[in-house]
Every structure is written in structure tokens, then in C-alpha cells.
């Protein structure tokens, strides 16, 4: 994204003064360091993060376009098309929006006394069945309880929800992307988890046009049928869909459907987000 840093600095300073805020007050309101704000106002930061500018705009109560110097746009849908033709973005959940739940395995092992390999073997033996909706959570919990020889009933939902960690930068990205493009979720996940995660703030709050929940649709990635359904729900050609996932098998299956794909590395989220942002540069 090209950006006039000097012009941005002038517009930011004017908007801040019109809002009656000192630099320190704006920093506090936008949760921004004083050094970063002063550099942006001087035009000393080359292409500052769009997330930072959006946070500043929200703190000032002005539109992002106003700070960026773009003419106010009246778009019925408010959505864009990227240079590569993308109009719809699907995000995976586990490993992309939240860090994976491996700590839950360790917690189960510690609390039940079952060896770590037995915990994971038992989990993965039934995981696909639950994610397809072919096994209920009650039955899954019963399998865990009996096969791990726990003296107390086990509740996988509790272990999962207590150990996953949202990836804040990705949440920012999803919220931003939802203002620019049509977005949805495409996830292999257990029954009821998406609703619970949304209620608890573990997933980004955004205007999702569709959520492809494997336990609801009865298909899991990388089965071709789930991508066919997701394409139908996106209501656009496959060539306009971008899929972001942390599993290469899932990405390759999507690519065979004609989708654009990007691999997400939860260990280096900043690098992955930079690649995503670059790929979403809008068409001129």
C-alpha cells in the first residue's frame, strides 16, 4: 500500500488538535507509544502499519480514509478486490486465530496420570469423528474418561477453552480484512466450539458472511466436499477466494479447487501477517 507519510502526519496532527488531545492523551487513548506517535506525525515512519493508523482513527473518532487522505468512498458493499482478484477470505481457526491446544494434552496427562502418548493417541483416534459431527461431545468425553482411566469425568471443552491462546495480531487482521473484503471461517472443530469461542471473545468480532463448521456440515478438511460447499457459501468463483491455514494438506486441497492459498506460521505471526497484507493490496 502506497502511503504519503508527510501528508498522513499533517492530517493526524490536525485531527488530534481538532479533537482537543495532546500527544500524550492520544497515545493513552490509542494504546500507542509516544515515540511512535511523534514519528508518525513527523512523517518519519515509512509506511506505518495500517492497524496502527486504524487504531488512531478510532481513538480520534475519524474515518481511516480521512487520515490516509483518500476521498470518502460510498461503496454499497464497502468491499474490495485485491490485485490478484481476491474478494473473499476464509480463515482457519486452530493454529491461525488461536494457538493450538497442545497444552491441554499436558494438562490432561498431569491430572489423570496417563502417559502423554496415550493422551494424544486417544484424542486423535476420535477427533475426526467428533469434528465431522459423527460423535457427540458426550461420547467423546466418555471415551477420554474411560480410556485414560480417569477417576473423574473429563470435559474436553473445558480443557480446550482454558488452554488455547488468541493470536492478537491475527484478530486485528481479521477485523481489518472484514472492513475491506468479504470474510468467513473454515474450520475443523468440535460441536459448539465456534459459538462458545465467539461468546468468550476468543475469536475476532467481525461480520462473517459464512462460517463453515465441520461439525455442522459433516465434512472435514482436506476433503474436497468441504471446499465445494465453502465455495458455494462464498457465492463467488473459486479464483476469488483466499484461504489462510496452518496445514499444508488443507491448503493444497483448496488450491486444487482453484483457490488462492497462504500458509500461516503461528510461531512467526508477524511474518505471516506481512505476507497476507501484501497479498491483499487492493487493485487500483
C-alpha atoms as a PDB file:
ATOM      1  CA  UNK A   1       0.000   0.000   0.000  1.00  0.00           C
ATOM      2  CA  UNK A   2       1.458   3.310  -1.033  1.00  0.00           C
ATOM      3  CA  UNK A   3       1.236   5.998   1.608  1.00  0.00           C
ATOM      4  CA  UNK A   4       2.086   9.709   1.811  1.00  0.00           C
ATOM      5  CA  UNK A   5       3.819   9.700   5.207  1.00  0.00           C
ATOM      6  CA  UNK A   6       4.259  13.501   5.394  1.00  0.00           C
ATOM      7  CA  UNK A   7       0.638  14.110   4.429  1.00  0.00           C
ATOM      8  CA  UNK A   8      -0.505  11.497   6.920  1.00  0.00           C
ATOM      9  CA  UNK A   9       1.489  13.231   9.655  1.00  0.00           C
ATOM     10  CA  UNK A  10      -0.101  16.595   8.893  1.00  0.00           C
ATOM     11  CA  UNK A  11      -3.618  15.166   8.776  1.00  0.00           C
ATOM     12  CA  UNK A  12      -3.050  13.252  12.000  1.00  0.00           C
ATOM     13  CA  UNK A  13      -1.766  16.326  13.804  1.00  0.00           C
ATOM     14  CA  UNK A  14      -4.722  18.398  12.597  1.00  0.00           C
ATOM     15  CA  UNK A  15      -7.239  15.726  13.593  1.00  0.00           C
ATOM     16  CA  UNK A  16      -5.620  15.379  17.016  1.00  0.00           C
ATOM     17  CA  UNK A  17      -5.722  19.109  17.619  1.00  0.00           C
ATOM     18  CA  UNK A  18      -9.319  19.338  16.407  1.00  0.00           C
ATOM     19  CA  UNK A  19     -10.168  16.613  18.922  1.00  0.00           C
ATOM     20  CA  UNK A  20      -8.514  18.670  21.669  1.00  0.00           C
ATOM     21  CA  UNK A  21      -5.998  15.947  22.510  1.00  0.00           C
ATOM     22  CA  UNK A  22      -2.359  16.260  23.413  1.00  0.00           C
ATOM     23  CA  UNK A  23       0.055  13.721  22.002  1.00  0.00           C
ATOM     24  CA  UNK A  24       0.221  12.048  25.408  1.00  0.00           C
ATOM     25  CA  UNK A  25      -3.566  11.880  25.653  1.00  0.00           C
ATOM     26  CA  UNK A  26      -3.883  10.332  22.198  1.00  0.00           C
ATOM     27  CA  UNK A  27      -1.152   7.802  22.987  1.00  0.00           C
ATOM     28  CA  UNK A  28      -3.065   6.708  26.056  1.00  0.00           C
ATOM     29  CA  UNK A  29      -6.383   6.526  24.204  1.00  0.00           C
ATOM     30  CA  UNK A  30      -4.961   4.617  21.223  1.00  0.00           C
ATOM     31  CA  UNK A  31      -2.629   2.471  23.384  1.00  0.00           C
ATOM     32  CA  UNK A  32       0.318   3.722  21.361  1.00  0.00           C
ATOM     33  CA  UNK A  33       3.862   4.614  22.394  1.00  0.00           C
ATOM     34  CA  UNK A  34       4.740   8.321  22.464  1.00  0.00           C
ATOM     35  CA  UNK A  35       7.760   7.695  20.259  1.00  0.00           C
ATOM     36  CA  UNK A  36       5.673   6.013  17.562  1.00  0.00           C
ATOM     37  CA  UNK A  37       3.051   8.764  17.509  1.00  0.00           C
ATOM     38  CA  UNK A  38       5.569  11.596  17.256  1.00  0.00           C
ATOM     39  CA  UNK A  39       7.394   9.815  14.429  1.00  0.00           C
ATOM     40  CA  UNK A  40       4.155   9.312  12.512  1.00  0.00           C
ATOM     41  CA  UNK A  41       3.255  12.974  12.943  1.00  0.00           C
ATOM     42  CA  UNK A  42       6.701  13.937  11.598  1.00  0.00           C
ATOM     43  CA  UNK A  43       6.331  11.543   8.689  1.00  0.00           C
ATOM     44  CA  UNK A  44       9.417   9.711   9.910  1.00  0.00           C
ATOM     45  CA  UNK A  45       7.993   6.176   9.735  1.00  0.00           C
ATOM     46  CA  UNK A  46       7.907   4.653   6.280  1.00  0.00           C
ATOM     47  CA  UNK A  47       4.526   3.015   5.597  1.00  0.00           C
ATOM     48  CA  UNK A  48       3.300   2.744   9.213  1.00  0.00           C
ATOM     49  CA  UNK A  49       1.085  -0.245   9.996  1.00  0.00           C
ATOM     50  CA  UNK A  50      -2.468   0.115   8.738  1.00  0.00           C
ATOM     51  CA  UNK A  51      -3.601  -1.385  12.062  1.00  0.00           C
ATOM     52  CA  UNK A  52      -1.844   1.428  13.939  1.00  0.00           C
ATOM     53  CA  UNK A  53      -3.465   4.076  11.733  1.00  0.00           C
ATOM     54  CA  UNK A  54      -6.862   2.452  12.148  1.00  0.00           C
ATOM     55  CA  UNK A  55      -6.467   2.438  15.955  1.00  0.00           C
ATOM     56  CA  UNK A  56      -5.525   6.120  15.869  1.00  0.00           C
ATOM     57  CA  UNK A  57      -8.501   6.940  13.632  1.00  0.00           C
ATOM     58  CA  UNK A  58     -10.857   5.161  16.036  1.00  0.00           C
ATOM     59  CA  UNK A  59      -9.343   6.978  19.026  1.00  0.00           C
ATOM     60  CA  UNK A  60      -9.836  10.307  17.229  1.00  0.00           C
ATOM     61  CA  UNK A  61     -13.325   9.437  16.034  1.00  0.00           C
ATOM     62  CA  UNK A  62     -12.457   9.995  12.374  1.00  0.00           C
ATOM     63  CA  UNK A  63     -12.554   7.736   9.353  1.00  0.00           C
ATOM     64  CA  UNK A  64      -9.498   5.820   8.186  1.00  0.00           C
ATOM     65  CA  UNK A  65      -9.857   7.395   4.730  1.00  0.00           C
ATOM     66  CA  UNK A  66      -9.671  10.849   6.298  1.00  0.00           C
ATOM     67  CA  UNK A  67      -6.289  10.158   7.862  1.00  0.00           C
ATOM     68  CA  UNK A  68      -4.982   8.453   4.738  1.00  0.00           C
ATOM     69  CA  UNK A  69      -6.105  11.360   2.582  1.00  0.00           C
ATOM     70  CA  UNK A  70      -8.328   9.190   0.420  1.00  0.00           C
ATOM     71  CA  UNK A  71     -11.646  10.578  -0.778  1.00  0.00           C
ATOM     72  CA  UNK A  72     -14.596   9.321   1.197  1.00  0.00           C
ATOM     73  CA  UNK A  73     -15.954   6.354  -0.662  1.00  0.00           C
ATOM     74  CA  UNK A  74     -19.562   5.416  -0.985  1.00  0.00           C
ATOM     75  CA  UNK A  75     -19.485   1.702  -1.663  1.00  0.00           C
ATOM     76  CA  UNK A  76     -22.782  -0.148  -1.200  1.00  0.00           C
ATOM     77  CA  UNK A  77     -20.921  -3.281  -0.165  1.00  0.00           C
ATOM     78  CA  UNK A  78     -17.841  -1.474   1.113  1.00  0.00           C
ATOM     79  CA  UNK A  79     -15.724  -4.309  -0.210  1.00  0.00           C
ATOM     80  CA  UNK A  80     -12.675  -4.523  -2.451  1.00  0.00           C
ATOM     81  CA  UNK A  81     -10.908  -6.770  -4.905  1.00  0.00           C
ATOM     82  CA  UNK A  82      -7.184  -7.474  -4.465  1.00  0.00           C
ATOM     83  CA  UNK A  83      -4.645  -7.196  -7.268  1.00  0.00           C
ATOM     84  CA  UNK A  84      -4.754 -10.986  -7.585  1.00  0.00           C
ATOM     85  CA  UNK A  85      -8.549 -10.945  -7.841  1.00  0.00           C
ATOM     86  CA  UNK A  86      -9.455 -11.960  -4.267  1.00  0.00           C
ATOM     87  CA  UNK A  87     -12.814 -10.776  -2.952  1.00  0.00           C
ATOM     88  CA  UNK A  88     -13.433 -13.380  -0.215  1.00  0.00           C
ATOM     89  CA  UNK A  89     -11.111 -14.615   2.548  1.00  0.00           C
ATOM     90  CA  UNK A  90     -11.547 -17.786   4.589  1.00  0.00           C
ATOM     91  CA  UNK A  91      -9.607 -18.042   7.857  1.00  0.00           C
ATOM     92  CA  UNK A  92      -8.817 -21.269   9.689  1.00  0.00           C
ATOM     93  CA  UNK A  93      -9.209 -21.150  13.493  1.00  0.00           C
ATOM     94  CA  UNK A  94      -6.823 -23.576  15.232  1.00  0.00           C
ATOM     95  CA  UNK A  95      -3.249 -22.558  14.527  1.00  0.00           C
ATOM     96  CA  UNK A  96      -4.286 -19.297  12.838  1.00  0.00           C
ATOM     97  CA  UNK A  97      -6.630 -17.315  15.088  1.00  0.00           C
ATOM     98  CA  UNK A  98      -5.753 -19.195  18.265  1.00  0.00           C
ATOM     99  CA  UNK A  99      -2.561 -21.020  19.169  1.00  0.00           C
ATOM    100  CA  UNK A 100      -3.081 -24.733  19.128  1.00  0.00           C
ATOM    101  CA  UNK A 101      -4.251 -26.602  22.193  1.00  0.00           C
ATOM    102  CA  UNK A 102      -1.204 -28.789  22.902  1.00  0.00           C
ATOM    103  CA  UNK A 103      -1.104 -27.533  26.493  1.00  0.00           C
ATOM    104  CA  UNK A 104      -4.456 -29.262  27.014  1.00  0.00           C
ATOM    105  CA  UNK A 105      -2.760 -32.618  26.407  1.00  0.00           C
ATOM    106  CA  UNK A 106      -0.149 -31.863  29.072  1.00  0.00           C
ATOM    107  CA  UNK A 107      -2.861 -30.809  31.499  1.00  0.00           C
ATOM    108  CA  UNK A 108      -4.841 -33.978  30.866  1.00  0.00           C
ATOM    109  CA  UNK A 109      -1.741 -36.087  31.383  1.00  0.00           C
ATOM    110  CA  UNK A 110      -0.897 -34.333  34.648  1.00  0.00           C
ATOM    111  CA  UNK A 111      -4.418 -34.573  36.039  1.00  0.00           C
ATOM    112  CA  UNK A 112      -5.163 -38.169  35.021  1.00  0.00           C
ATOM    113  CA  UNK A 113      -1.689 -39.659  35.375  1.00  0.00           C
ATOM    114  CA  UNK A 114      -1.974 -41.089  31.854  1.00  0.00           C
ATOM    115  CA  UNK A 115       1.236 -41.050  29.783  1.00  0.00           C
ATOM    116  CA  UNK A 116       1.399 -38.193  27.262  1.00  0.00           C
ATOM    117  CA  UNK A 117       1.480 -40.538  24.279  1.00  0.00           C
ATOM    118  CA  UNK A 118      -1.671 -42.316  25.459  1.00  0.00           C
ATOM    119  CA  UNK A 119      -3.468 -38.970  25.887  1.00  0.00           C
ATOM    120  CA  UNK A 120      -2.639 -37.846  22.362  1.00  0.00           C
ATOM    121  CA  UNK A 121      -3.291 -41.236  20.768  1.00  0.00           C
ATOM    122  CA  UNK A 122      -6.712 -41.396  22.393  1.00  0.00           C
ATOM    123  CA  UNK A 123      -7.563 -37.841  21.358  1.00  0.00           C
ATOM    124  CA  UNK A 124      -6.588 -38.218  17.709  1.00  0.00           C
ATOM    125  CA  UNK A 125      -8.312 -41.596  17.445  1.00  0.00           C
ATOM    126  CA  UNK A 126     -11.689 -39.909  17.819  1.00  0.00           C
ATOM    127  CA  UNK A 127     -11.001 -36.321  16.794  1.00  0.00           C
ATOM    128  CA  UNK A 128     -12.122 -36.624  13.168  1.00  0.00           C
ATOM    129  CA  UNK A 129     -15.351 -38.361  14.181  1.00  0.00           C
ATOM    130  CA  UNK A 130     -16.246 -35.537  16.550  1.00  0.00           C
ATOM    131  CA  UNK A 131     -15.232 -32.821  14.098  1.00  0.00           C
ATOM    132  CA  UNK A 132     -17.466 -34.429  11.450  1.00  0.00           C
ATOM    133  CA  UNK A 133     -20.336 -34.449  13.915  1.00  0.00           C
ATOM    134  CA  UNK A 134     -20.451 -38.252  13.847  1.00  0.00           C
ATOM    135  CA  UNK A 135     -19.655 -38.496  17.566  1.00  0.00           C
ATOM    136  CA  UNK A 136     -21.198 -36.296  20.251  1.00  0.00           C
ATOM    137  CA  UNK A 137     -19.140 -34.382  22.784  1.00  0.00           C
ATOM    138  CA  UNK A 138     -20.718 -36.524  25.495  1.00  0.00           C
ATOM    139  CA  UNK A 139     -19.495 -39.707  23.831  1.00  0.00           C
ATOM    140  CA  UNK A 140     -16.079 -38.192  23.205  1.00  0.00           C
ATOM    141  CA  UNK A 141     -15.739 -37.160  26.848  1.00  0.00           C
ATOM    142  CA  UNK A 142     -16.778 -40.665  27.886  1.00  0.00           C
ATOM    143  CA  UNK A 143     -14.074 -42.178  25.668  1.00  0.00           C
ATOM    144  CA  UNK A 144     -11.467 -39.853  27.179  1.00  0.00           C
ATOM    145  CA  UNK A 145     -12.592 -40.616  30.718  1.00  0.00           C
ATOM    146  CA  UNK A 146     -12.613 -44.392  30.319  1.00  0.00           C
ATOM    147  CA  UNK A 147      -9.545 -44.839  28.115  1.00  0.00           C
ATOM    148  CA  UNK A 148      -7.404 -42.505  30.229  1.00  0.00           C
ATOM    149  CA  UNK A 149      -8.746 -44.283  33.325  1.00  0.00           C
ATOM    150  CA  UNK A 150      -9.711 -41.003  34.975  1.00  0.00           C
ATOM    151  CA  UNK A 151     -11.418 -41.193  38.351  1.00  0.00           C
ATOM    152  CA  UNK A 152     -13.388 -38.038  37.467  1.00  0.00           C
ATOM    153  CA  UNK A 153     -15.472 -37.308  34.341  1.00  0.00           C
ATOM    154  CA  UNK A 154     -13.396 -35.387  31.783  1.00  0.00           C
ATOM    155  CA  UNK A 155     -14.683 -32.402  29.850  1.00  0.00           C
ATOM    156  CA  UNK A 156     -12.599 -31.715  26.742  1.00  0.00           C
ATOM    157  CA  UNK A 157     -14.401 -28.410  26.114  1.00  0.00           C
ATOM    158  CA  UNK A 158     -13.062 -27.074  29.416  1.00  0.00           C
ATOM    159  CA  UNK A 159      -9.502 -28.184  28.701  1.00  0.00           C
ATOM    160  CA  UNK A 160      -9.618 -26.683  25.232  1.00  0.00           C
ATOM    161  CA  UNK A 161     -11.109 -23.329  26.210  1.00  0.00           C
ATOM    162  CA  UNK A 162      -8.740 -22.898  29.147  1.00  0.00           C
ATOM    163  CA  UNK A 163      -5.562 -23.592  27.187  1.00  0.00           C
ATOM    164  CA  UNK A 164      -5.975 -22.013  23.754  1.00  0.00           C
ATOM    165  CA  UNK A 165      -4.495 -18.538  23.328  1.00  0.00           C
ATOM    166  CA  UNK A 166      -5.824 -15.974  20.850  1.00  0.00           C
ATOM    167  CA  UNK A 167      -3.242 -14.515  18.447  1.00  0.00           C
ATOM    168  CA  UNK A 168      -3.942 -10.770  18.896  1.00  0.00           C
ATOM    169  CA  UNK A 169      -2.285  -9.613  15.676  1.00  0.00           C
ATOM    170  CA  UNK A 170      -4.408 -12.042  13.667  1.00  0.00           C
ATOM    171  CA  UNK A 171      -7.546 -10.804  15.385  1.00  0.00           C
ATOM    172  CA  UNK A 172      -6.603  -7.291  14.272  1.00  0.00           C
ATOM    173  CA  UNK A 173      -6.024  -8.558  10.756  1.00  0.00           C
ATOM    174  CA  UNK A 174      -9.420 -10.277  10.587  1.00  0.00           C
ATOM    175  CA  UNK A 175     -11.214  -7.188  11.856  1.00  0.00           C
ATOM    176  CA  UNK A 176      -9.404  -5.052   9.287  1.00  0.00           C
ATOM    177  CA  UNK A 177      -9.971  -7.569   6.484  1.00  0.00           C
ATOM    178  CA  UNK A 178     -13.701  -7.648   7.251  1.00  0.00           C
ATOM    179  CA  UNK A 179     -13.897  -3.913   6.535  1.00  0.00           C
ATOM    180  CA  UNK A 180     -12.209  -4.366   3.154  1.00  0.00           C
ATOM    181  CA  UNK A 181     -13.220  -7.815   1.914  1.00  0.00           C
ATOM    182  CA  UNK A 182     -15.861 -10.440   2.494  1.00  0.00           C
ATOM    183  CA  UNK A 183     -14.649 -12.882   5.144  1.00  0.00           C
ATOM    184  CA  UNK A 184     -15.591 -16.233   6.637  1.00  0.00           C
ATOM    185  CA  UNK A 185     -14.280 -19.040   8.826  1.00  0.00           C
ATOM    186  CA  UNK A 186     -13.454 -22.534   7.557  1.00  0.00           C
ATOM    187  CA  UNK A 187     -12.542 -24.860  10.394  1.00  0.00           C
ATOM    188  CA  UNK A 188     -12.252 -28.448  11.552  1.00  0.00           C
ATOM    189  CA  UNK A 189     -13.723 -28.099  15.008  1.00  0.00           C
ATOM    190  CA  UNK A 190     -15.889 -29.844  17.584  1.00  0.00           C
ATOM    191  CA  UNK A 191     -19.614 -29.176  18.095  1.00  0.00           C
ATOM    192  CA  UNK A 192     -20.491 -25.887  19.764  1.00  0.00           C
ATOM    193  CA  UNK A 193     -16.915 -24.649  19.960  1.00  0.00           C
ATOM    194  CA  UNK A 194     -17.278 -21.762  17.493  1.00  0.00           C
ATOM    195  CA  UNK A 195     -20.251 -20.255  19.337  1.00  0.00           C
ATOM    196  CA  UNK A 196     -18.513 -20.640  22.706  1.00  0.00           C
ATOM    197  CA  UNK A 197     -15.314 -19.054  21.400  1.00  0.00           C
ATOM    198  CA  UNK A 198     -17.225 -16.109  19.960  1.00  0.00           C
ATOM    199  CA  UNK A 199     -19.106 -15.634  23.228  1.00  0.00           C
ATOM    200  CA  UNK A 200     -15.851 -15.667  25.225  1.00  0.00           C
ATOM    201  CA  UNK A 201     -14.015 -13.295  22.916  1.00  0.00           C
ATOM    202  CA  UNK A 202     -11.558 -15.980  21.811  1.00  0.00           C
ATOM    203  CA  UNK A 203     -12.312 -15.249  18.148  1.00  0.00           C
ATOM    204  CA  UNK A 204     -12.274 -11.870  16.405  1.00  0.00           C
ATOM    205  CA  UNK A 205     -15.541  -9.994  16.393  1.00  0.00           C
ATOM    206  CA  UNK A 206     -16.212  -9.435  12.694  1.00  0.00           C
ATOM    207  CA  UNK A 207     -19.004  -9.560  10.150  1.00  0.00           C
ATOM    208  CA  UNK A 208     -18.503 -13.132   8.941  1.00  0.00           C
ATOM    209  CA  UNK A 209     -20.528 -13.807   5.816  1.00  0.00           C
ATOM    210  CA  UNK A 210     -20.359 -17.542   6.425  1.00  0.00           C
ATOM    211  CA  UNK A 211     -18.876 -19.968   8.930  1.00  0.00           C
ATOM    212  CA  UNK A 212     -18.067 -23.444   7.628  1.00  0.00           C
ATOM    213  CA  UNK A 213     -18.035 -25.507  10.827  1.00  0.00           C
ATOM    214  CA  UNK A 214     -17.023 -29.110  10.089  1.00  0.00           C
ATOM    215  CA  UNK A 215     -19.181 -30.498  12.897  1.00  0.00           C
ATOM    216  CA  UNK A 216     -22.217 -28.808  11.334  1.00  0.00           C
ATOM    217  CA  UNK A 217     -21.597 -29.602   7.646  1.00  0.00           C
ATOM    218  CA  UNK A 218     -20.373 -33.159   8.282  1.00  0.00           C
ATOM    219  CA  UNK A 219     -17.145 -32.779   6.282  1.00  0.00           C
ATOM    220  CA  UNK A 220     -13.599 -32.003   7.317  1.00  0.00           C
ATOM    221  CA  UNK A 221     -10.543 -30.528   5.616  1.00  0.00           C
ATOM    222  CA  UNK A 222      -8.856 -31.659   3.409  1.00  0.00           C
ATOM    223  CA  UNK A 223     -11.872 -33.500   1.972  1.00  0.00           C
ATOM    224  CA  UNK A 224     -12.837 -31.903  -1.367  1.00  0.00           C
ATOM    225  CA  UNK A 225     -16.521 -31.704  -0.424  1.00  0.00           C
ATOM    226  CA  UNK A 226     -15.955 -29.120   2.292  1.00  0.00           C
ATOM    227  CA  UNK A 227     -14.235 -26.787  -0.177  1.00  0.00           C
ATOM    228  CA  UNK A 228     -17.022 -27.246  -2.699  1.00  0.00           C
ATOM    229  CA  UNK A 229     -19.543 -26.259  -0.043  1.00  0.00           C
ATOM    230  CA  UNK A 230     -17.377 -23.334   1.092  1.00  0.00           C
ATOM    231  CA  UNK A 231     -17.187 -22.072  -2.495  1.00  0.00           C
ATOM    232  CA  UNK A 232     -20.967 -22.205  -2.778  1.00  0.00           C
ATOM    233  CA  UNK A 233     -21.378 -20.327   0.526  1.00  0.00           C
ATOM    234  CA  UNK A 234     -18.879 -17.671  -0.544  1.00  0.00           C
ATOM    235  CA  UNK A 235     -21.063 -17.085  -3.617  1.00  0.00           C
ATOM    236  CA  UNK A 236     -18.134 -16.196  -5.856  1.00  0.00           C
ATOM    237  CA  UNK A 237     -15.822 -18.000  -8.292  1.00  0.00           C
ATOM    238  CA  UNK A 238     -13.061 -20.146  -6.709  1.00  0.00           C
ATOM    239  CA  UNK A 239     -10.470 -17.805  -8.229  1.00  0.00           C
ATOM    240  CA  UNK A 240     -11.733 -15.017  -5.950  1.00  0.00           C
ATOM    241  CA  UNK A 241     -11.243 -16.940  -2.688  1.00  0.00           C
ATOM    242  CA  UNK A 242      -8.145 -16.716  -0.483  1.00  0.00           C
ATOM    243  CA  UNK A 243      -7.689 -19.391   2.205  1.00  0.00           C
ATOM    244  CA  UNK A 244      -5.364 -18.921   5.178  1.00  0.00           C
ATOM    245  CA  UNK A 245      -4.491 -22.098   7.090  1.00  0.00           C
ATOM    246  CA  UNK A 246      -1.555 -23.560   9.005  1.00  0.00           C
ATOM    247  CA  UNK A 247      -1.784 -27.053   7.458  1.00  0.00           C
ATOM    248  CA  UNK A 248      -0.259 -27.551   4.022  1.00  0.00           C
ATOM    249  CA  UNK A 249      -2.519 -30.522   3.230  1.00  0.00           C
ATOM    250  CA  UNK A 250      -5.562 -28.292   3.724  1.00  0.00           C
ATOM    251  CA  UNK A 251      -4.048 -25.568   1.571  1.00  0.00           C
ATOM    252  CA  UNK A 252      -3.157 -27.907  -1.270  1.00  0.00           C
ATOM    253  CA  UNK A 253      -6.689 -29.294  -1.299  1.00  0.00           C
ATOM    254  CA  UNK A 254      -8.006 -25.735  -1.561  1.00  0.00           C
ATOM    255  CA  UNK A 255      -5.524 -24.913  -4.312  1.00  0.00           C
ATOM    256  CA  UNK A 256      -6.839 -27.847  -6.332  1.00  0.00           C
ATOM    257  CA  UNK A 257     -10.247 -26.181  -6.151  1.00  0.00           C
ATOM    258  CA  UNK A 258      -8.761 -23.075  -7.761  1.00  0.00           C
ATOM    259  CA  UNK A 259      -8.464 -21.031  -4.564  1.00  0.00           C
ATOM    260  CA  UNK A 260      -5.603 -18.724  -3.627  1.00  0.00           C
ATOM    261  CA  UNK A 261      -3.819 -20.016  -0.512  1.00  0.00           C
ATOM    262  CA  UNK A 262      -1.393 -18.717   2.102  1.00  0.00           C
ATOM    263  CA  UNK A 263       0.315 -20.732   4.823  1.00  0.00           C
ATOM    264  CA  UNK A 264       0.171 -19.252   8.325  1.00  0.00           C
ATOM    265  CA  UNK A 265       3.039 -19.827  10.773  1.00  0.00           C
ATOM    266  CA  UNK A 266       1.811 -19.292  14.348  1.00  0.00           C
ATOM    267  CA  UNK A 267       5.413 -19.224  15.576  1.00  0.00           C
ATOM    268  CA  UNK A 268       6.125 -16.218  13.329  1.00  0.00           C
ATOM    269  CA  UNK A 269       2.740 -14.488  13.078  1.00  0.00           C
ATOM    270  CA  UNK A 270       4.204 -11.095  12.171  1.00  0.00           C
ATOM    271  CA  UNK A 271       5.924 -12.501   9.081  1.00  0.00           C
ATOM    272  CA  UNK A 272       2.782 -14.343   8.040  1.00  0.00           C
ATOM    273  CA  UNK A 273       0.633 -11.248   8.511  1.00  0.00           C
ATOM    274  CA  UNK A 274       3.042  -9.216   6.419  1.00  0.00           C
ATOM    275  CA  UNK A 275       2.632 -11.728   3.574  1.00  0.00           C
ATOM    276  CA  UNK A 276      -1.145 -11.680   3.950  1.00  0.00           C
ATOM    277  CA  UNK A 277      -1.271  -7.887   3.886  1.00  0.00           C
ATOM    278  CA  UNK A 278       0.934  -7.813   0.802  1.00  0.00           C
ATOM    279  CA  UNK A 279      -1.353 -10.252  -0.995  1.00  0.00           C
ATOM    280  CA  UNK A 280      -4.412  -8.170  -0.097  1.00  0.00           C
ATOM    281  CA  UNK A 281      -3.198  -4.953  -1.657  1.00  0.00           C
ATOM    282  CA  UNK A 282      -6.301  -3.743  -3.489  1.00  0.00           C
ATOM    283  CA  UNK A 283      -6.498  -3.421  -7.241  1.00  0.00           C
ATOM    284  CA  UNK A 284      -6.062   0.152  -8.433  1.00  0.00           C
END
